[in-house]
Amino acid sequence: MSLKPIPTGCWARFLKFGRGTAVAASRRALAEAGVEPAGIAGLIVNTCTGYLCPGLSSYIAEDLGLDTSIRFLDLMGMGCGAAIPNLEAAAGMLARSGEGPVLSIAVEICSATIFPSHEPELVVSNSIFGDGAAAAVLDLKREDRRDGLAKMADFAADLFPRRREDLRYRTESGRLRNT
């Protein structure tokens, strides 16, 4: 019998709460879309507040009971704005394979990265960034036949290299610290 090590610290908090928060958002999205987990053909998860290898998608897929042969993608290190590339990747996954639906999840667990300090930048950061997740079920075939569903027309995102240092994480004392 092999024993799995018990994670500690911020990574354990990220795994526990990221997993639970993402699964709760996913179950709600699946219910609202009228899709059973067994029908999901693809899964895309984005986050920047924790790093897992294998990614959070493997835990979410397990918790939801998704088929082990689904297509999946974990997007890391893009910040909370990665929800747009996430949806674009989901649309691309649908377009390439013609098989759906795809479950798209954005999750951040900022409480796992709280860096206590009296520095104004950290007080503000710790105050405005919180934990949460959003999920959407994308299926081109279902969008064509159901009224009231959003239709994606295009995607737009910009890169601002000159602003990179204004809002980012850096590693300090082995932990993520918002700057």
N, C-alpha and C. Protein backbone atom coordinates (compact mmCIF):
# COMPACT_ATOMS: atom_id res chain seq x y z
N MET A 1 0.85 -1.18 0.00
CA MET A 1 0.00 0.00 0.00
C MET A 1 0.89 1.24 0.00
N SER A 2 0.65 2.15 -0.95
CA SER A 2 1.43 3.38 -0.98
C SER A 2 0.63 4.51 -0.35
N LEU A 3 1.31 5.35 0.36
CA LEU A 3 0.67 6.49 1.01
C LEU A 3 0.94 7.74 0.19
N LYS A 4 -0.11 8.53 -0.03
CA LYS A 4 0.05 9.80 -0.74
C LYS A 4 0.45 10.86 0.27
N PRO A 5 1.43 11.69 -0.07
CA PRO A 5 1.77 12.78 0.86
C PRO A 5 0.63 13.76 0.99
N ILE A 6 0.46 14.29 2.17
CA ILE A 6 -0.59 15.28 2.41
C ILE A 6 -0.03 16.66 2.11
N PRO A 7 -0.64 17.39 1.15
CA PRO A 7 -0.14 18.72 0.83
C PRO A 7 -0.34 19.67 2.01
N THR A 8 0.55 20.62 2.13
CA THR A 8 0.44 21.60 3.20
C THR A 8 0.51 23.01 2.63
N GLY A 9 0.12 23.98 3.42
CA GLY A 9 0.27 25.39 3.07
C GLY A 9 -0.66 25.86 1.99
N CYS A 10 -0.19 26.88 1.25
CA CYS A 10 -1.04 27.55 0.26
C CYS A 10 -1.45 26.60 -0.86
N TRP A 11 -0.61 25.64 -1.23
CA TRP A 11 -0.97 24.71 -2.31
C TRP A 11 -2.10 23.80 -1.87
N ALA A 12 -2.10 23.38 -0.61
CA ALA A 12 -3.20 22.56 -0.09
C ALA A 12 -4.50 23.35 -0.08
N ARG A 13 -4.44 24.62 0.32
CA ARG A 13 -5.63 25.47 0.30
C ARG A 13 -6.14 25.65 -1.13
N PHE A 14 -5.22 25.87 -2.06
CA PHE A 14 -5.63 26.03 -3.46
C PHE A 14 -6.30 24.76 -3.96
N LEU A 15 -5.71 23.60 -3.70
CA LEU A 15 -6.29 22.34 -4.16
C LEU A 15 -7.68 22.14 -3.56
N LYS A 16 -7.81 22.30 -2.27
CA LYS A 16 -9.09 22.07 -1.60
C LYS A 16 -10.17 23.04 -2.09
N PHE A 17 -9.89 24.32 -2.02
CA PHE A 17 -10.91 25.31 -2.33
C PHE A 17 -11.06 25.54 -3.84
N GLY A 18 -9.98 25.44 -4.60
CA GLY A 18 -10.08 25.56 -6.05
C GLY A 18 -10.92 24.44 -6.62
N ARG A 19 -10.65 23.26 -6.14
CA ARG A 19 -11.39 22.08 -6.58
C ARG A 19 -12.88 22.22 -6.24
N GLY A 20 -13.17 22.51 -4.98
CA GLY A 20 -14.56 22.61 -4.54
C GLY A 20 -15.32 23.74 -5.21
N THR A 21 -14.69 24.89 -5.34
CA THR A 21 -15.34 26.06 -5.94
C THR A 21 -15.60 25.82 -7.42
N ALA A 22 -14.63 25.25 -8.12
CA ALA A 22 -14.79 24.97 -9.56
C ALA A 22 -15.86 23.92 -9.80
N VAL A 23 -15.89 22.89 -8.98
CA VAL A 23 -16.89 21.83 -9.14
C VAL A 23 -18.29 22.37 -8.88
N ALA A 24 -18.45 23.21 -7.87
CA ALA A 24 -19.77 23.80 -7.58
C ALA A 24 -20.25 24.65 -8.76
N ALA A 25 -19.36 25.48 -9.31
CA ALA A 25 -19.73 26.30 -10.47
C ALA A 25 -20.06 25.42 -11.67
N SER A 26 -19.31 24.35 -11.83
CA SER A 26 -19.54 23.44 -12.96
C SER A 26 -20.89 22.74 -12.85
N ARG A 27 -21.21 22.27 -11.65
CA ARG A 27 -22.50 21.58 -11.47
C ARG A 27 -23.66 22.53 -11.78
N ARG A 28 -23.53 23.77 -11.37
CA ARG A 28 -24.60 24.74 -11.66
C ARG A 28 -24.71 24.98 -13.17
N ALA A 29 -23.57 25.16 -13.85
CA ALA A 29 -23.59 25.39 -15.29
C ALA A 29 -24.17 24.18 -16.03
N LEU A 30 -23.79 22.98 -15.62
CA LEU A 30 -24.31 21.77 -16.25
C LEU A 30 -25.82 21.67 -16.06
N ALA A 31 -26.29 21.96 -14.85
CA ALA A 31 -27.72 21.90 -14.58
C ALA A 31 -28.48 22.93 -15.42
N GLU A 32 -27.96 24.16 -15.48
CA GLU A 32 -28.63 25.20 -16.26
C GLU A 32 -28.66 24.88 -17.74
N ALA A 33 -27.62 24.18 -18.23
CA ALA A 33 -27.55 23.81 -19.64
C ALA A 33 -28.32 22.53 -19.94
N GLY A 34 -28.73 21.81 -18.89
CA GLY A 34 -29.42 20.54 -19.09
C GLY A 34 -28.51 19.46 -19.64
N VAL A 35 -27.24 19.50 -19.23
CA VAL A 35 -26.24 18.54 -19.71
C VAL A 35 -25.77 17.69 -18.55
N GLU A 36 -25.70 16.39 -18.77
CA GLU A 36 -25.18 15.47 -17.78
C GLU A 36 -23.65 15.43 -17.89
N PRO A 37 -22.95 15.25 -16.78
CA PRO A 37 -21.48 15.18 -16.84
C PRO A 37 -20.97 14.14 -17.84
N ALA A 38 -21.67 13.03 -17.98
CA ALA A 38 -21.23 11.98 -18.91
C ALA A 38 -21.25 12.47 -20.35
N GLY A 39 -21.99 13.54 -20.64
CA GLY A 39 -22.05 14.05 -22.00
C GLY A 39 -20.95 15.03 -22.36
N ILE A 40 -20.15 15.43 -21.40
CA ILE A 40 -19.08 16.41 -21.65
C ILE A 40 -17.96 15.77 -22.47
N ALA A 41 -17.56 16.44 -23.56
CA ALA A 41 -16.51 15.93 -24.43
C ALA A 41 -15.18 16.65 -24.23
N GLY A 42 -15.21 17.82 -23.60
CA GLY A 42 -13.99 18.59 -23.39
C GLY A 42 -14.08 19.44 -22.13
N LEU A 43 -12.91 19.73 -21.56
CA LEU A 43 -12.82 20.50 -20.32
C LEU A 43 -11.63 21.44 -20.41
N ILE A 44 -11.87 22.72 -20.13
CA ILE A 44 -10.79 23.71 -20.11
C ILE A 44 -10.89 24.47 -18.80
N VAL A 45 -9.76 24.56 -18.09
CA VAL A 45 -9.71 25.22 -16.78
C VAL A 45 -8.60 26.25 -16.80
N ASN A 46 -8.91 27.46 -16.33
CA ASN A 46 -7.84 28.46 -16.18
C ASN A 46 -7.79 28.96 -14.75
N THR A 47 -6.58 29.24 -14.28
CA THR A 47 -6.33 29.80 -12.96
C THR A 47 -4.92 30.38 -12.95
N CYS A 48 -4.67 31.28 -12.02
CA CYS A 48 -3.30 31.78 -11.82
C CYS A 48 -2.91 31.75 -10.35
N THR A 49 -3.83 31.33 -9.48
CA THR A 49 -3.56 31.41 -8.05
C THR A 49 -3.06 30.11 -7.44
N GLY A 50 -2.78 29.13 -8.27
CA GLY A 50 -2.22 27.89 -7.76
C GLY A 50 -1.66 27.06 -8.89
N TYR A 51 -0.68 26.26 -8.59
CA TYR A 51 -0.07 25.41 -9.61
C TYR A 51 -0.16 23.96 -9.16
N LEU A 52 -0.72 23.13 -10.00
CA LEU A 52 -0.80 21.70 -9.75
C LEU A 52 -0.32 20.97 -10.99
N CYS A 53 0.35 19.88 -10.80
CA CYS A 53 0.77 19.05 -11.91
C CYS A 53 0.59 17.60 -11.50
N PRO A 54 -0.35 16.87 -12.09
CA PRO A 54 -1.27 17.25 -13.14
C PRO A 54 -2.19 18.38 -12.67
N GLY A 55 -2.77 19.05 -13.65
CA GLY A 55 -3.55 20.25 -13.38
C GLY A 55 -4.86 20.03 -12.67
N LEU A 56 -5.50 21.13 -12.32
CA LEU A 56 -6.77 21.13 -11.63
C LEU A 56 -7.84 20.38 -12.44
N SER A 57 -7.69 20.36 -13.76
CA SER A 57 -8.68 19.68 -14.60
C SER A 57 -8.82 18.21 -14.23
N SER A 58 -7.73 17.56 -13.83
CA SER A 58 -7.81 16.13 -13.49
C SER A 58 -8.66 15.91 -12.24
N TYR A 59 -8.59 16.83 -11.28
CA TYR A 59 -9.38 16.72 -10.06
C TYR A 59 -10.86 17.02 -10.34
N ILE A 60 -11.10 18.05 -11.14
CA ILE A 60 -12.47 18.43 -11.47
C ILE A 60 -13.14 17.30 -12.26
N ALA A 61 -12.43 16.76 -13.23
CA ALA A 61 -12.97 15.66 -14.02
C ALA A 61 -13.34 14.47 -13.13
N GLU A 62 -12.48 14.17 -12.17
CA GLU A 62 -12.75 13.08 -11.24
C GLU A 62 -13.99 13.38 -10.39
N ASP A 63 -14.05 14.58 -9.82
CA ASP A 63 -15.17 14.93 -8.95
C ASP A 63 -16.50 14.96 -9.68
N LEU A 64 -16.49 15.37 -10.95
CA LEU A 64 -17.73 15.43 -11.72
C LEU A 64 -18.08 14.09 -12.36
N GLY A 65 -17.13 13.16 -12.36
CA GLY A 65 -17.37 11.86 -13.00
C GLY A 65 -17.32 11.93 -14.51
N LEU A 66 -16.46 12.82 -15.04
CA LEU A 66 -16.32 12.94 -16.49
C LEU A 66 -15.58 11.73 -17.05
N ASP A 67 -15.82 11.44 -18.30
CA ASP A 67 -15.14 10.33 -18.97
C ASP A 67 -13.64 10.60 -18.99
N THR A 68 -12.84 9.57 -18.81
CA THR A 68 -11.39 9.75 -18.75
C THR A 68 -10.77 10.03 -20.12
N SER A 69 -11.54 9.89 -21.20
CA SER A 69 -10.99 10.12 -22.54
C SER A 69 -11.37 11.49 -23.11
N ILE A 70 -11.90 12.39 -22.27
CA ILE A 70 -12.26 13.72 -22.79
C ILE A 70 -11.02 14.50 -23.19
N ARG A 71 -11.23 15.50 -24.03
CA ARG A 71 -10.15 16.44 -24.35
C ARG A 71 -10.09 17.43 -23.19
N PHE A 72 -8.89 17.85 -22.82
CA PHE A 72 -8.77 18.78 -21.69
C PHE A 72 -7.59 19.70 -21.89
N LEU A 73 -7.64 20.83 -21.18
CA LEU A 73 -6.57 21.83 -21.26
C LEU A 73 -6.58 22.63 -19.97
N ASP A 74 -5.40 22.82 -19.38
CA ASP A 74 -5.23 23.71 -18.23
C ASP A 74 -4.46 24.93 -18.70
N LEU A 75 -5.01 26.12 -18.48
CA LEU A 75 -4.34 27.38 -18.80
C LEU A 75 -3.81 27.97 -17.50
N MET A 76 -2.53 28.27 -17.45
CA MET A 76 -1.90 28.77 -16.23
C MET A 76 -1.15 30.07 -16.50
N GLY A 77 -1.05 30.89 -15.47
CA GLY A 77 -0.17 32.05 -15.51
C GLY A 77 -0.63 33.20 -16.37
N MET A 78 -1.89 33.23 -16.74
CA MET A 78 -2.38 34.31 -17.60
C MET A 78 -3.20 35.34 -16.82
N GLY A 79 -3.38 35.12 -15.53
CA GLY A 79 -4.18 36.04 -14.73
C GLY A 79 -5.66 35.78 -14.90
N CYS A 80 -6.45 36.59 -14.22
CA CYS A 80 -7.90 36.38 -14.26
C CYS A 80 -8.47 36.67 -15.63
N GLY A 81 -7.76 37.38 -16.47
CA GLY A 81 -8.21 37.65 -17.83
C GLY A 81 -8.16 36.44 -18.74
N ALA A 82 -7.67 35.31 -18.23
CA ALA A 82 -7.57 34.10 -19.05
C ALA A 82 -8.92 33.49 -19.38
N ALA A 83 -9.99 34.01 -18.79
CA ALA A 83 -11.31 33.48 -19.13
C ALA A 83 -11.61 33.67 -20.62
N ILE A 84 -11.12 34.74 -21.21
CA ILE A 84 -11.36 34.98 -22.65
C ILE A 84 -10.61 33.94 -23.49
N PRO A 85 -9.29 33.75 -23.30
CA PRO A 85 -8.62 32.68 -24.05
C PRO A 85 -9.21 31.29 -23.74
N ASN A 86 -9.73 31.09 -22.53
CA ASN A 86 -10.37 29.83 -22.17
C ASN A 86 -11.57 29.60 -23.09
N LEU A 87 -12.45 30.58 -23.19
CA LEU A 87 -13.63 30.43 -24.05
C LEU A 87 -13.24 30.27 -25.51
N GLU A 88 -12.20 30.99 -25.92
CA GLU A 88 -11.74 30.87 -27.30
C GLU A 88 -11.20 29.47 -27.57
N ALA A 89 -10.47 28.90 -26.60
CA ALA A 89 -9.96 27.54 -26.75
C ALA A 89 -11.11 26.53 -26.79
N ALA A 90 -12.14 26.77 -25.98
CA ALA A 90 -13.30 25.88 -25.98
C ALA A 90 -14.01 25.93 -27.34
N ALA A 91 -14.18 27.14 -27.89
CA ALA A 91 -14.81 27.28 -29.20
C ALA A 91 -13.96 26.58 -30.28
N GLY A 92 -12.64 26.71 -30.16
CA GLY A 92 -11.74 26.03 -31.10
C GLY A 92 -11.83 24.53 -30.98
N MET A 93 -11.93 24.04 -29.75
CA MET A 93 -12.06 22.61 -29.51
C MET A 93 -13.33 22.08 -30.17
N LEU A 94 -14.42 22.83 -30.04
CA LEU A 94 -15.69 22.44 -30.67
C LEU A 94 -15.58 22.47 -32.20
N ALA A 95 -14.96 23.53 -32.72
CA ALA A 95 -14.85 23.68 -34.17
C ALA A 95 -14.00 22.58 -34.79
N ARG A 96 -12.91 22.23 -34.10
CA ARG A 96 -12.00 21.20 -34.64
C ARG A 96 -12.63 19.82 -34.64
N SER A 97 -13.27 19.46 -33.53
CA SER A 97 -13.76 18.09 -33.40
C SER A 97 -15.22 17.94 -33.80
N GLY A 98 -15.99 19.01 -33.69
CA GLY A 98 -17.42 18.91 -33.95
C GLY A 98 -18.16 18.18 -32.84
N GLU A 99 -17.42 17.79 -31.79
CA GLU A 99 -18.02 17.07 -30.67
C GLU A 99 -18.10 17.99 -29.46
N GLY A 100 -19.22 17.97 -28.84
CA GLY A 100 -19.40 18.78 -27.64
C GLY A 100 -20.31 18.06 -26.70
N PRO A 101 -20.63 18.67 -25.66
CA PRO A 101 -20.26 20.01 -25.23
C PRO A 101 -18.90 20.07 -24.54
N VAL A 102 -18.42 21.30 -24.40
CA VAL A 102 -17.17 21.57 -23.70
C VAL A 102 -17.50 22.39 -22.46
N LEU A 103 -16.91 22.00 -21.34
CA LEU A 103 -17.09 22.71 -20.07
C LEU A 103 -15.90 23.64 -19.89
N SER A 104 -16.18 24.92 -19.76
CA SER A 104 -15.16 25.96 -19.63
C SER A 104 -15.23 26.53 -18.21
N ILE A 105 -14.11 26.49 -17.46
CA ILE A 105 -14.11 26.91 -16.06
C ILE A 105 -12.97 27.88 -15.81
N ALA A 106 -13.29 29.00 -15.16
CA ALA A 106 -12.29 29.95 -14.67
C ALA A 106 -12.39 29.95 -13.15
N VAL A 107 -11.28 29.73 -12.46
CA VAL A 107 -11.31 29.67 -11.00
C VAL A 107 -10.07 30.35 -10.42
N GLU A 108 -10.29 31.17 -9.41
CA GLU A 108 -9.19 31.80 -8.68
C GLU A 108 -9.44 31.64 -7.19
N ILE A 109 -8.41 31.26 -6.47
CA ILE A 109 -8.48 31.12 -5.02
C ILE A 109 -7.41 32.05 -4.44
N CYS A 110 -7.73 33.32 -4.43
CA CYS A 110 -6.79 34.34 -3.99
C CYS A 110 -6.44 34.21 -2.51
N SER A 111 -7.34 33.60 -1.72
CA SER A 111 -7.05 33.43 -0.30
C SER A 111 -5.85 32.49 -0.09
N ALA A 112 -5.56 31.66 -1.07
CA ALA A 112 -4.39 30.78 -0.97
C ALA A 112 -3.09 31.54 -1.17
N THR A 113 -3.20 32.77 -1.68
CA THR A 113 -1.99 33.55 -1.95
C THR A 113 -1.89 34.80 -1.09
N ILE A 114 -2.73 34.90 -0.07
CA ILE A 114 -2.66 36.09 0.80
C ILE A 114 -1.27 36.18 1.42
N PHE A 115 -0.68 37.31 1.27
CA PHE A 115 0.66 37.58 1.76
C PHE A 115 0.51 38.70 2.79
N PRO A 116 0.45 38.36 4.07
CA PRO A 116 0.19 39.37 5.11
C PRO A 116 1.30 40.43 5.18
N SER A 117 0.86 41.68 5.18
CA SER A 117 1.80 42.79 5.28
C SER A 117 0.99 44.08 5.46
N HIS A 118 1.64 45.09 6.00
CA HIS A 118 1.02 46.40 6.15
C HIS A 118 1.33 47.29 4.95
N GLU A 119 2.07 46.77 3.97
CA GLU A 119 2.37 47.56 2.77
C GLU A 119 1.06 47.88 2.05
N PRO A 120 0.86 49.15 1.67
CA PRO A 120 -0.41 49.54 1.03
C PRO A 120 -0.79 48.68 -0.17
N GLU A 121 0.18 48.32 -1.02
CA GLU A 121 -0.15 47.52 -2.21
C GLU A 121 -0.72 46.15 -1.83
N LEU A 122 -0.22 45.57 -0.74
CA LEU A 122 -0.73 44.28 -0.30
C LEU A 122 -2.07 44.40 0.42
N VAL A 123 -2.26 45.46 1.16
CA VAL A 123 -3.55 45.67 1.82
C VAL A 123 -4.63 45.80 0.75
N VAL A 124 -4.37 46.57 -0.29
CA VAL A 124 -5.34 46.75 -1.38
C VAL A 124 -5.55 45.42 -2.10
N SER A 125 -4.48 44.76 -2.47
CA SER A 125 -4.57 43.49 -3.18
C SER A 125 -5.37 42.46 -2.39
N ASN A 126 -5.04 42.31 -1.11
CA ASN A 126 -5.74 41.34 -0.27
C ASN A 126 -7.21 41.70 -0.07
N SER A 127 -7.54 42.97 -0.25
CA SER A 127 -8.91 43.42 -0.05
C SER A 127 -9.79 43.26 -1.29
N ILE A 128 -9.21 43.42 -2.47
CA ILE A 128 -10.06 43.44 -3.67
C ILE A 128 -10.11 42.11 -4.43
N PHE A 129 -9.13 41.23 -4.23
CA PHE A 129 -9.13 39.96 -4.95
C PHE A 129 -9.66 38.88 -4.03
N GLY A 130 -10.62 38.10 -4.52
CA GLY A 130 -11.23 37.07 -3.70
C GLY A 130 -11.30 35.73 -4.41
N ASP A 131 -11.96 34.80 -3.76
CA ASP A 131 -12.12 33.45 -4.29
C ASP A 131 -13.39 33.38 -5.13
N GLY A 132 -13.34 32.62 -6.20
CA GLY A 132 -14.55 32.43 -7.00
C GLY A 132 -14.28 31.60 -8.24
N ALA A 133 -15.36 31.19 -8.86
CA ALA A 133 -15.27 30.42 -10.10
C ALA A 133 -16.50 30.71 -10.95
N ALA A 134 -16.31 30.59 -12.24
CA ALA A 134 -17.40 30.69 -13.20
C ALA A 134 -17.24 29.54 -14.18
N ALA A 135 -18.35 29.01 -14.62
CA ALA A 135 -18.31 27.91 -15.58
C ALA A 135 -19.37 28.13 -16.65
N ALA A 136 -19.07 27.65 -17.84
CA ALA A 136 -20.00 27.74 -18.96
C ALA A 136 -19.93 26.44 -19.75
N VAL A 137 -21.06 26.04 -20.29
CA VAL A 137 -21.13 24.86 -21.15
C VAL A 137 -21.30 25.36 -22.57
N LEU A 138 -20.36 25.02 -23.43
CA LEU A 138 -20.41 25.44 -24.83
C LEU A 138 -20.71 24.24 -25.70
N ASP A 139 -21.68 24.41 -26.60
CA ASP A 139 -22.04 23.34 -27.52
C ASP A 139 -22.66 24.00 -28.74
N LEU A 140 -21.96 23.99 -29.85
CA LEU A 140 -22.43 24.66 -31.05
C LEU A 140 -23.77 24.12 -31.52
N LYS A 141 -23.96 22.83 -31.44
CA LYS A 141 -25.22 22.24 -31.90
C LYS A 141 -26.38 22.70 -31.02
N ARG A 142 -26.18 22.75 -29.73
CA ARG A 142 -27.25 23.17 -28.82
C ARG A 142 -27.55 24.66 -29.01
N GLU A 143 -26.52 25.48 -29.24
CA GLU A 143 -26.75 26.91 -29.44
C GLU A 143 -27.61 27.16 -30.68
N ASP A 144 -27.46 26.30 -31.70
CA ASP A 144 -28.22 26.50 -32.92
C ASP A 144 -29.70 26.21 -32.75
N ARG A 145 -30.08 25.38 -31.78
CA ARG A 145 -31.47 24.98 -31.68
C ARG A 145 -32.19 25.50 -30.44
N ARG A 146 -31.50 26.19 -29.54
CA ARG A 146 -32.14 26.65 -28.31
C ARG A 146 -32.17 28.17 -28.27
N ASP A 147 -33.30 28.69 -27.95
CA ASP A 147 -33.44 30.14 -27.79
C ASP A 147 -32.86 30.55 -26.45
N GLY A 148 -32.41 31.80 -26.36
CA GLY A 148 -31.96 32.35 -25.09
C GLY A 148 -30.52 32.07 -24.75
N LEU A 149 -29.82 31.30 -25.55
CA LEU A 149 -28.41 31.04 -25.27
C LEU A 149 -27.55 32.08 -25.97
N ALA A 150 -26.48 32.45 -25.33
CA ALA A 150 -25.56 33.42 -25.93
C ALA A 150 -24.87 32.77 -27.13
N LYS A 151 -24.65 33.56 -28.12
CA LYS A 151 -23.89 33.11 -29.29
C LYS A 151 -22.58 33.88 -29.34
N MET A 152 -21.49 33.16 -29.50
CA MET A 152 -20.19 33.82 -29.55
C MET A 152 -19.91 34.25 -30.98
N ALA A 153 -19.64 35.53 -31.13
CA ALA A 153 -19.36 36.07 -32.45
C ALA A 153 -17.86 36.18 -32.70
N ASP A 154 -17.09 36.57 -31.68
CA ASP A 154 -15.66 36.77 -31.86
C ASP A 154 -15.03 36.92 -30.48
N PHE A 155 -13.71 36.95 -30.45
CA PHE A 155 -12.97 37.12 -29.21
C PHE A 155 -11.97 38.25 -29.38
N ALA A 156 -11.72 38.96 -28.30
CA ALA A 156 -10.73 40.02 -28.34
C ALA A 156 -10.01 40.08 -27.01
N ALA A 157 -8.71 40.12 -27.06
CA ALA A 157 -7.87 40.26 -25.87
C ALA A 157 -6.62 41.01 -26.30
N ASP A 158 -6.05 41.75 -25.39
CA ASP A 158 -4.86 42.53 -25.69
C ASP A 158 -3.76 42.20 -24.69
N LEU A 159 -2.52 42.37 -25.13
CA LEU A 159 -1.35 42.26 -24.27
C LEU A 159 -0.81 43.66 -24.03
N PHE A 160 -0.41 43.91 -22.80
CA PHE A 160 0.14 45.22 -22.45
C PHE A 160 1.48 45.03 -21.74
N PRO A 161 2.55 44.71 -22.47
CA PRO A 161 3.84 44.46 -21.84
C PRO A 161 4.33 45.59 -20.94
N ARG A 162 4.04 46.82 -21.29
CA ARG A 162 4.51 47.95 -20.48
C ARG A 162 3.81 48.00 -19.12
N ARG A 163 2.70 47.29 -18.96
CA ARG A 163 1.95 47.25 -17.71
C ARG A 163 2.19 45.97 -16.91
N ARG A 164 3.03 45.11 -17.42
CA ARG A 164 3.27 43.80 -16.81
C ARG A 164 3.65 43.90 -15.34
N GLU A 165 4.44 44.87 -14.98
CA GLU A 165 4.92 44.99 -13.59
C GLU A 165 3.90 45.67 -12.67
N ASP A 166 2.84 46.25 -13.24
CA ASP A 166 1.85 46.95 -12.43
C ASP A 166 0.95 46.02 -11.62
N LEU A 167 0.67 44.86 -12.16
CA LEU A 167 -0.20 43.90 -11.49
C LEU A 167 0.24 42.50 -11.87
N ARG A 168 0.89 41.83 -10.93
CA ARG A 168 1.38 40.48 -11.22
C ARG A 168 1.71 39.78 -9.92
N TYR A 169 1.92 38.47 -10.04
CA TYR A 169 2.45 37.70 -8.92
C TYR A 169 3.94 37.55 -9.09
N ARG A 170 4.64 37.52 -7.97
CA ARG A 170 6.05 37.15 -7.98
C ARG A 170 6.25 36.16 -6.83
N THR A 171 7.30 35.40 -6.88
CA THR A 171 7.58 34.45 -5.82
C THR A 171 8.48 35.12 -4.80
N GLU A 172 8.06 35.06 -3.54
CA GLU A 172 8.84 35.63 -2.45
C GLU A 172 8.74 34.68 -1.25
N SER A 173 9.85 34.28 -0.73
CA SER A 173 9.90 33.34 0.40
C SER A 173 9.13 32.07 0.09
N GLY A 174 9.21 31.61 -1.17
CA GLY A 174 8.56 30.38 -1.57
C GLY A 174 7.06 30.48 -1.72
N ARG A 175 6.50 31.71 -1.73
CA ARG A 175 5.06 31.91 -1.84
C ARG A 175 4.77 32.92 -2.92
N LEU A 176 3.54 32.86 -3.45
CA LEU A 176 3.11 33.88 -4.40
C LEU A 176 2.78 35.15 -3.64
N ARG A 177 3.22 36.28 -4.18
CA ARG A 177 2.96 37.58 -3.58
C ARG A 177 2.46 38.49 -4.67
N ASN A 178 1.28 39.06 -4.48
CA ASN A 178 0.73 39.96 -5.48
C ASN A 178 1.46 41.29 -5.44
N THR A 179 1.74 41.83 -6.60
CA THR A 179 2.40 43.12 -6.72
C THR A 179 1.49 44.04 -7.52
